Amino acid sequence: MLAKERQMWIMQKVLCEGRVYINAFASEFGVTSETIRGDIRALEWDKRIVKTHGGAMLNQDLEKD
């Protein structure tokens, strides 16, 4: 699976559940936790999500729009 595809799944999960966990996604996609951290960093760079301990959550500023 390509990085952009994983990032789409991560965003969908965050939008539905409000939070994602690195280890759960790493297991689900069969990649390392560092790979998921990289995906989360890319999404955080776009200001779509905010990194948290062990995962990420939706950027609160986006919820206000």
PDB file of N, CA and C in Angstrom:
ATOM      1  N   MET A   1       0.847  -1.183   0.000  1.00  0.00           N
ATOM      2  CA  MET A   1       0.000   0.000   0.000  1.00  0.00           C
ATOM      3  C   MET A   1       0.889   1.242   0.000  1.00  0.00           C
ATOM      4  N   LEU A   2       0.503   2.195  -0.804  1.00  0.00           N
ATOM      5  CA  LEU A   2       1.254   3.437  -0.902  1.00  0.00           C
ATOM      6  C   LEU A   2       0.997   4.347   0.295  1.00  0.00           C
ATOM      7  N   ALA A   3       1.933   5.234   0.538  1.00  0.00           N
ATOM      8  CA  ALA A   3       1.820   6.154   1.675  1.00  0.00           C
ATOM      9  C   ALA A   3       0.531   6.972   1.602  1.00  0.00           C
ATOM     10  N   LYS A   4       0.198   7.489   0.422  1.00  0.00           N
ATOM     11  CA  LYS A   4      -1.012   8.313   0.285  1.00  0.00           C
ATOM     12  C   LYS A   4      -2.267   7.495   0.593  1.00  0.00           C
ATOM     13  N   GLU A   5      -2.265   6.222   0.247  1.00  0.00           N
ATOM     14  CA  GLU A   5      -3.413   5.361   0.559  1.00  0.00           C
ATOM     15  C   GLU A   5      -3.536   5.154   2.071  1.00  0.00           C
ATOM     16  N   ARG A   6      -2.408   4.900   2.725  1.00  0.00           N
ATOM     17  CA  ARG A   6      -2.427   4.742   4.184  1.00  0.00           C
ATOM     18  C   ARG A   6      -2.905   6.019   4.849  1.00  0.00           C
ATOM     19  N   GLN A   7      -2.423   7.150   4.350  1.00  0.00           N
ATOM     20  CA  GLN A   7      -2.817   8.429   4.927  1.00  0.00           C
ATOM     21  C   GLN A   7      -4.314   8.679   4.758  1.00  0.00           C
ATOM     22  N   MET A   8      -4.875   8.257   3.629  1.00  0.00           N
ATOM     23  CA  MET A   8      -6.326   8.384   3.436  1.00  0.00           C
ATOM     24  C   MET A   8      -7.077   7.553   4.473  1.00  0.00           C
ATOM     25  N   TRP A   9      -6.607   6.326   4.709  1.00  0.00           N
ATOM     26  CA  TRP A   9      -7.240   5.456   5.711  1.00  0.00           C
ATOM     27  C   TRP A   9      -7.112   6.056   7.104  1.00  0.00           C
ATOM     28  N   ILE A  10      -5.951   6.601   7.409  1.00  0.00           N
ATOM     29  CA  ILE A  10      -5.740   7.222   8.714  1.00  0.00           C
ATOM     30  C   ILE A  10      -6.711   8.384   8.894  1.00  0.00           C
ATOM     31  N   MET A  11      -6.836   9.235   7.881  1.00  0.00           N
ATOM     32  CA  MET A  11      -7.753  10.372   7.982  1.00  0.00           C
ATOM     33  C   MET A  11      -9.199   9.919   8.127  1.00  0.00           C
ATOM     34  N   GLN A  12      -9.595   8.895   7.392  1.00  0.00           N
ATOM     35  CA  GLN A  12     -10.963   8.387   7.506  1.00  0.00           C
ATOM     36  C   GLN A  12     -11.238   7.896   8.914  1.00  0.00           C
ATOM     37  N   LYS A  13     -10.272   7.190   9.477  1.00  0.00           N
ATOM     38  CA  LYS A  13     -10.428   6.662  10.837  1.00  0.00           C
ATOM     39  C   LYS A  13     -10.499   7.801  11.861  1.00  0.00           C
ATOM     40  N   VAL A  14      -9.646   8.799  11.701  1.00  0.00           N
ATOM     41  CA  VAL A  14      -9.662   9.947  12.610  1.00  0.00           C
ATOM     42  C   VAL A  14     -11.005  10.666  12.522  1.00  0.00           C
ATOM     43  N   LEU A  15     -11.497  10.857  11.316  1.00  0.00           N
ATOM     44  CA  LEU A  15     -12.775  11.549  11.143  1.00  0.00           C
ATOM     45  C   LEU A  15     -13.934  10.755  11.755  1.00  0.00           C
ATOM     46  N   CYS A  16     -13.882   9.432  11.647  1.00  0.00           N
ATOM     47  CA  CYS A  16     -14.960   8.587  12.186  1.00  0.00           C
ATOM     48  C   CYS A  16     -14.855   8.395  13.698  1.00  0.00           C
ATOM     49  N   GLU A  17     -13.652   8.168  14.178  1.00  0.00           N
ATOM     50  CA  GLU A  17     -13.471   7.789  15.580  1.00  0.00           C
ATOM     51  C   GLU A  17     -12.823   8.870  16.441  1.00  0.00           C
ATOM     52  N   GLY A  18     -12.276   9.888  15.794  1.00  0.00           N
ATOM     53  CA  GLY A  18     -11.679  10.976  16.541  1.00  0.00           C
ATOM     54  C   GLY A  18     -10.227  10.768  16.917  1.00  0.00           C
ATOM     55  N   ARG A  19      -9.728   9.533  16.782  1.00  0.00           N
ATOM     56  CA  ARG A  19      -8.361   9.236  17.207  1.00  0.00           C
ATOM     57  C   ARG A  19      -7.888   7.965  16.527  1.00  0.00           C
ATOM     58  N   VAL A  20      -6.587   7.869  16.276  1.00  0.00           N
ATOM     59  CA  VAL A  20      -5.987   6.637  15.755  1.00  0.00           C
ATOM     60  C   VAL A  20      -4.789   6.262  16.615  1.00  0.00           C
ATOM     61  N   TYR A  21      -4.453   4.992  16.576  1.00  0.00           N
ATOM     62  CA  TYR A  21      -3.321   4.477  17.346  1.00  0.00           C
ATOM     63  C   TYR A  21      -2.289   3.879  16.400  1.00  0.00           C
ATOM     64  N   ILE A  22      -1.052   4.265  16.584  1.00  0.00           N
ATOM     65  CA  ILE A  22       0.038   3.850  15.705  1.00  0.00           C
ATOM     66  C   ILE A  22       0.149   2.334  15.631  1.00  0.00           C
ATOM     67  N   ASN A  23       0.199   1.661  16.762  1.00  0.00           N
ATOM     68  CA  ASN A  23       0.408   0.211  16.755  1.00  0.00           C
ATOM     69  C   ASN A  23      -0.725  -0.529  16.063  1.00  0.00           C
ATOM     70  N   ALA A  24      -1.955  -0.062  16.216  1.00  0.00           N
ATOM     71  CA  ALA A  24      -3.094  -0.713  15.567  1.00  0.00           C
ATOM     72  C   ALA A  24      -2.972  -0.606  14.046  1.00  0.00           C
ATOM     73  N   PHE A  25      -2.616   0.565  13.548  1.00  0.00           N
ATOM     74  CA  PHE A  25      -2.463   0.727  12.108  1.00  0.00           C
ATOM     75  C   PHE A  25      -1.263  -0.040  11.577  1.00  0.00           C
ATOM     76  N   ALA A  26      -0.177  -0.069  12.326  1.00  0.00           N
ATOM     77  CA  ALA A  26       0.997  -0.817  11.884  1.00  0.00           C
ATOM     78  C   ALA A  26       0.642  -2.293  11.707  1.00  0.00           C
ATOM     79  N   SER A  27      -0.092  -2.848  12.645  1.00  0.00           N
ATOM     80  CA  SER A  27      -0.517  -4.246  12.540  1.00  0.00           C
ATOM     81  C   SER A  27      -1.483  -4.441  11.380  1.00  0.00           C
ATOM     82  N   GLU A  28      -2.439  -3.543  11.259  1.00  0.00           N
ATOM     83  CA  GLU A  28      -3.458  -3.654  10.215  1.00  0.00           C
ATOM     84  C   GLU A  28      -2.849  -3.609   8.814  1.00  0.00           C
ATOM     85  N   PHE A  29      -1.873  -2.731   8.608  1.00  0.00           N
ATOM     86  CA  PHE A  29      -1.272  -2.569   7.290  1.00  0.00           C
ATOM     87  C   PHE A  29      -0.019  -3.415   7.078  1.00  0.00           C
ATOM     88  N   GLY A  30       0.462  -4.069   8.126  1.00  0.00           N
ATOM     89  CA  GLY A  30       1.646  -4.904   7.992  1.00  0.00           C
ATOM     90  C   GLY A  30       2.908  -4.098   7.735  1.00  0.00           C
ATOM     91  N   VAL A  31       2.997  -2.936   8.368  1.00  0.00           N
ATOM     92  CA  VAL A  31       4.182  -2.080   8.244  1.00  0.00           C
ATOM     93  C   VAL A  31       4.712  -1.790   9.647  1.00  0.00           C
ATOM     94  N   THR A  32       5.838  -1.135   9.708  1.00  0.00           N
ATOM     95  CA  THR A  32       6.403  -0.798  11.014  1.00  0.00           C
ATOM     96  C   THR A  32       5.686   0.407  11.605  1.00  0.00           C
ATOM     97  N   SER A  33       5.817   0.554  12.901  1.00  0.00           N
ATOM     98  CA  SER A  33       5.217   1.713  13.560  1.00  0.00           C
ATOM     99  C   SER A  33       5.878   3.003  13.075  1.00  0.00           C
ATOM    100  N   GLU A  34       7.151   2.940  12.701  1.00  0.00           N
ATOM    101  CA  GLU A  34       7.834   4.129  12.175  1.00  0.00           C
ATOM    102  C   GLU A  34       7.219   4.572  10.852  1.00  0.00           C
ATOM    103  N   THR A  35       6.772   3.629  10.040  1.00  0.00           N
ATOM    104  CA  THR A  35       6.098   3.974   8.786  1.00  0.00           C
ATOM    105  C   THR A  35       4.823   4.759   9.070  1.00  0.00           C
ATOM    106  N   ILE A  36       4.047   4.310  10.043  1.00  0.00           N
ATOM    107  CA  ILE A  36       2.808   5.003  10.403  1.00  0.00           C
ATOM    108  C   ILE A  36       3.126   6.366  11.013  1.00  0.00           C
ATOM    109  N   ARG A  37       4.181   6.438  11.805  1.00  0.00           N
ATOM    110  CA  ARG A  37       4.596   7.735  12.357  1.00  0.00           C
ATOM    111  C   ARG A  37       4.914   8.724  11.237  1.00  0.00           C
ATOM    112  N   GLY A  38       5.558   8.233  10.190  1.00  0.00           N
ATOM    113  CA  GLY A  38       5.857   9.084   9.035  1.00  0.00           C
ATOM    114  C   GLY A  38       4.589   9.575   8.359  1.00  0.00           C
ATOM    115  N   ASP A  39       3.602   8.678   8.234  1.00  0.00           N
ATOM    116  CA  ASP A  39       2.318   9.076   7.653  1.00  0.00           C
ATOM    117  C   ASP A  39       1.640  10.132   8.520  1.00  0.00           C
ATOM    118  N   ILE A  40       1.697   9.935   9.822  1.00  0.00           N
ATOM    119  CA  ILE A  40       1.091  10.893  10.750  1.00  0.00           C
ATOM    120  C   ILE A  40       1.818  12.235  10.683  1.00  0.00           C
ATOM    121  N   ARG A  41       3.152  12.205  10.579  1.00  0.00           N
ATOM    122  CA  ARG A  41       3.910  13.453  10.442  1.00  0.00           C
ATOM    123  C   ARG A  41       3.495  14.200   9.175  1.00  0.00           C
ATOM    124  N   ALA A  42       3.296  13.474   8.079  1.00  0.00           N
ATOM    125  CA  ALA A  42       2.879  14.113   6.819  1.00  0.00           C
ATOM    126  C   ALA A  42       1.509  14.757   6.976  1.00  0.00           C
ATOM    127  N   LEU A  43       0.588  14.072   7.623  1.00  0.00           N
ATOM    128  CA  LEU A  43      -0.749  14.636   7.841  1.00  0.00           C
ATOM    129  C   LEU A  43      -0.705  15.804   8.812  1.00  0.00           C
ATOM    130  N   GLU A  44       0.184  15.718   9.794  1.00  0.00           N
ATOM    131  CA  GLU A  44       0.330  16.818  10.741  1.00  0.00           C
ATOM    132  C   GLU A  44       0.935  18.039  10.036  1.00  0.00           C
ATOM    133  N   TRP A  45       1.847  17.815   9.128  1.00  0.00           N
ATOM    134  CA  TRP A  45       2.450  18.897   8.368  1.00  0.00           C
ATOM    135  C   TRP A  45       1.366  19.660   7.598  1.00  0.00           C
ATOM    136  N   ASP A  46       0.367  18.924   7.098  1.00  0.00           N
ATOM    137  CA  ASP A  46      -0.769  19.539   6.384  1.00  0.00           C
ATOM    138  C   ASP A  46      -1.781  20.149   7.351  1.00  0.00           C
ATOM    139  N   LYS A  47      -1.501  20.049   8.644  1.00  0.00           N
ATOM    140  CA  LYS A  47      -2.353  20.590   9.715  1.00  0.00           C
ATOM    141  C   LYS A  47      -3.731  19.936   9.765  1.00  0.00           C
ATOM    142  N   ARG A  48      -3.809  18.670   9.333  1.00  0.00           N
ATOM    143  CA  ARG A  48      -5.076  17.951   9.354  1.00  0.00           C
ATOM    144  C   ARG A  48      -5.286  17.211  10.668  1.00  0.00           C
ATOM    145  N   ILE A  49      -4.168  16.731  11.244  1.00  0.00           N
ATOM    146  CA  ILE A  49      -4.242  16.016  12.515  1.00  0.00           C
ATOM    147  C   ILE A  49      -3.154  16.534  13.438  1.00  0.00           C
ATOM    148  N   VAL A  50      -3.238  16.114  14.698  1.00  0.00           N
ATOM    149  CA  VAL A  50      -2.247  16.475  15.708  1.00  0.00           C
ATOM    150  C   VAL A  50      -1.716  15.176  16.310  1.00  0.00           C
ATOM    151  N   LYS A  51      -0.386  15.062  16.379  1.00  0.00           N
ATOM    152  CA  LYS A  51       0.205  13.877  16.999  1.00  0.00           C
ATOM    153  C   LYS A  51      -0.094  13.865  18.482  1.00  0.00           C
ATOM    154  N   THR A  52      -0.355  12.683  19.007  1.00  0.00           N
ATOM    155  CA  THR A  52      -0.517  12.485  20.435  1.00  0.00           C
ATOM    156  C   THR A  52       0.380  11.323  20.849  1.00  0.00           C
ATOM    157  N   HIS A  53       0.462  11.070  22.125  1.00  0.00           N
ATOM    158  CA  HIS A  53       1.264   9.940  22.600  1.00  0.00           C
ATOM    159  C   HIS A  53       0.643   8.644  22.082  1.00  0.00           C
ATOM    160  N   GLY A  54       1.350   7.956  21.190  1.00  0.00           N
ATOM    161  CA  GLY A  54       0.883   6.671  20.665  1.00  0.00           C
ATOM    162  C   GLY A  54      -0.092   6.756  19.514  1.00  0.00           C
ATOM    163  N   GLY A  55      -0.352   7.968  19.014  1.00  0.00           N
ATOM    164  CA  GLY A  55      -1.302   8.072  17.919  1.00  0.00           C
ATOM    165  C   GLY A  55      -1.488   9.487  17.439  1.00  0.00           C
ATOM    166  N   ALA A  56      -2.713   9.777  17.020  1.00  0.00           N
ATOM    167  CA  ALA A  56      -3.042  11.111  16.522  1.00  0.00           C
ATOM    168  C   ALA A  56      -4.536  11.342  16.645  1.00  0.00           C
ATOM    169  N   MET A  57      -4.901  12.613  16.623  1.00  0.00           N
ATOM    170  CA  MET A  57      -6.319  12.980  16.667  1.00  0.00           C
ATOM    171  C   MET A  57      -6.563  14.137  15.717  1.00  0.00           C
ATOM    172  N   LEU A  58      -7.820  14.405  15.433  1.00  0.00           N
ATOM    173  CA  LEU A  58      -8.177  15.476  14.516  1.00  0.00           C
ATOM    174  C   LEU A  58      -7.719  16.819  15.055  1.00  0.00           C
ATOM    175  N   ASN A  59      -7.211  17.653  14.183  1.00  0.00           N
ATOM    176  CA  ASN A  59      -6.816  19.004  14.552  1.00  0.00           C
ATOM    177  C   ASN A  59      -8.067  19.770  14.958  1.00  0.00           C
ATOM    178  N   GLN A  60      -8.129  20.255  16.164  1.00  0.00           N
ATOM    179  CA  GLN A  60      -9.305  20.948  16.687  1.00  0.00           C
ATOM    180  C   GLN A  60      -9.672  22.177  15.867  1.00  0.00           C
ATOM    181  N   ASP A  61      -8.688  22.819  15.248  1.00  0.00           N
ATOM    182  CA  ASP A  61      -8.966  23.991  14.417  1.00  0.00           C
ATOM    183  C   ASP A  61      -9.820  23.632  13.217  1.00  0.00           C
ATOM    184  N   LEU A  62      -9.702  22.399  12.703  1.00  0.00           N
ATOM    185  CA  LEU A  62     -10.499  21.970  11.564  1.00  0.00           C
ATOM    186  C   LEU A  62     -11.960  21.795  11.958  1.00  0.00           C
ATOM    187  N   GLU A  63     -12.212  21.392  13.194  1.00  0.00           N
ATOM    188  CA  GLU A  63     -13.571  21.169  13.649  1.00  0.00           C
ATOM    189  C   GLU A  63     -14.353  22.477  13.730  1.00  0.00           C
ATOM    190  N   LYS A  64     -13.666  23.605  13.905  1.00  0.00           N
ATOM    191  CA  LYS A  64     -14.326  24.897  14.029  1.00  0.00           C
ATOM    192  C   LYS A  64     -14.794  25.451  12.694  1.00  0.00           C
ATOM    193  N   ASP A  65     -14.167  24.988  11.586  1.00  0.00           N
ATOM    194  CA  ASP A  65     -14.535  25.499  10.259  1.00  0.00           C
ATOM    195  C   ASP A  65     -15.862  24.960   9.790  1.00  0.00           C
TER     196      ASP A  65
END
